[in-house]
Amino acid sequence: MPTTLTHTELSALIKGKAGIFIDPHDLQRPETTFEEFGVDSLGLLGVVGELENRHGVQIVDGAEMAKTPSEFLVAVNTSFSKAG
């Protein structure tokens, strides 16, 4: 089970589930939002579902509504740490 989801992994998941490529370095900018990248809550819901299926961990409710990659990573990584 992973201990953390990285920006690189998040980038790959968004590409696979939402069809949008985002450079992992761009995801690290704290002020950028998913909206700026063209990723909506439905795309993030696909990412959440993939993470839950892949790792057998329930991701905290509302993670798909995160406004920024930083918020999303905190929600996911908190879920991973609670499951571990």
Protein backbone atom coordinates (compact mmCIF):
# COMPACT_ATOMS: atom_id res chain seq x y z
CA MET A 1 0.00 0.00 0.00
CA PRO A 2 1.40 3.40 -0.87
CA THR A 3 2.23 5.85 1.84
CA THR A 4 1.84 8.90 -0.38
CA LEU A 5 0.45 9.87 -3.75
CA THR A 6 2.97 11.99 -5.65
CA HIS A 7 2.48 14.74 -8.20
CA THR A 8 3.87 12.42 -10.88
CA GLU A 9 1.38 9.68 -10.02
CA LEU A 10 -1.46 12.19 -9.87
CA SER A 11 -0.50 13.49 -13.31
CA ALA A 12 -0.63 9.95 -14.74
CA LEU A 13 -3.99 9.25 -13.10
CA ILE A 14 -5.50 12.46 -14.46
CA LYS A 15 -4.23 11.59 -17.94
CA GLY A 16 -5.72 8.10 -17.69
CA LYS A 17 -9.07 9.04 -16.14
CA ALA A 18 -9.77 12.55 -17.42
CA GLY A 19 -7.73 12.45 -20.62
CA ILE A 20 -5.82 15.61 -19.73
CA PHE A 21 -2.02 15.71 -19.57
CA ILE A 22 -0.62 17.97 -16.88
CA ASP A 23 3.10 18.24 -16.29
CA PRO A 24 3.78 17.04 -12.73
CA HIS A 25 5.82 20.19 -12.07
CA ASP A 26 2.78 22.33 -12.88
CA LEU A 27 0.78 20.39 -10.27
CA GLN A 28 3.28 21.51 -7.63
CA ARG A 29 2.45 25.20 -7.99
CA PRO A 30 0.29 25.88 -4.92
CA GLU A 31 -1.80 28.62 -6.49
CA THR A 32 -3.00 26.66 -9.52
CA THR A 33 -6.43 25.11 -9.56
CA PHE A 34 -7.81 22.06 -11.30
CA GLU A 35 -10.14 24.41 -13.17
CA GLU A 36 -7.11 26.08 -14.78
CA PHE A 37 -6.02 22.67 -16.08
CA GLY A 38 -9.50 21.81 -17.34
CA VAL A 39 -10.07 19.07 -14.76
CA ASP A 40 -13.54 18.98 -13.21
CA SER A 41 -15.00 17.06 -10.28
CA LEU A 42 -16.07 14.22 -12.59
CA GLY A 43 -12.46 13.75 -13.69
CA LEU A 44 -11.30 13.75 -10.08
CA LEU A 45 -14.05 11.29 -9.18
CA GLY A 46 -12.53 8.93 -11.73
CA VAL A 47 -9.13 9.36 -10.10
CA VAL A 48 -10.62 8.72 -6.65
CA GLY A 49 -12.34 5.57 -7.91
CA GLU A 50 -9.14 4.29 -9.46
CA LEU A 51 -7.19 4.90 -6.26
CA GLU A 52 -9.84 3.15 -4.16
CA ASN A 53 -9.92 0.15 -6.51
CA ARG A 54 -6.17 -0.05 -6.90
CA HIS A 55 -5.28 0.26 -3.22
CA GLY A 56 -8.37 -0.94 -1.39
CA VAL A 57 -8.57 2.30 0.57
CA GLN A 58 -11.63 4.51 0.90
CA ILE A 59 -10.66 8.06 0.03
CA VAL A 60 -12.15 10.75 2.26
CA ASP A 61 -15.54 12.05 1.11
CA GLY A 62 -15.30 15.22 -0.91
CA ALA A 63 -11.79 14.67 -2.29
CA GLU A 64 -13.22 14.96 -5.81
CA MET A 65 -14.32 18.51 -4.95
CA ALA A 66 -10.78 19.68 -4.14
CA LYS A 67 -9.98 22.99 -5.82
CA THR A 68 -6.21 22.50 -6.05
CA PRO A 69 -3.84 19.60 -6.52
CA SER A 70 -2.42 20.35 -3.06
CA GLU A 71 -5.86 19.96 -1.45
CA PHE A 72 -6.44 16.74 -3.36
CA LEU A 73 -3.08 15.26 -2.36
CA VAL A 74 -3.69 16.09 1.30
CA ALA A 75 -7.10 14.36 1.19
CA VAL A 76 -5.75 11.26 -0.54
CA ASN A 77 -2.59 10.97 1.53
CA THR A 78 -4.57 11.45 4.76
CA SER A 79 -6.82 8.59 3.66
CA PHE A 80 -3.77 6.42 2.94
CA SER A 81 -2.21 7.18 6.32
CA LYS A 82 -5.43 6.37 8.19
CA ALA A 83 -5.70 3.06 6.35
CA GLY A 84 -2.10 2.12 7.06
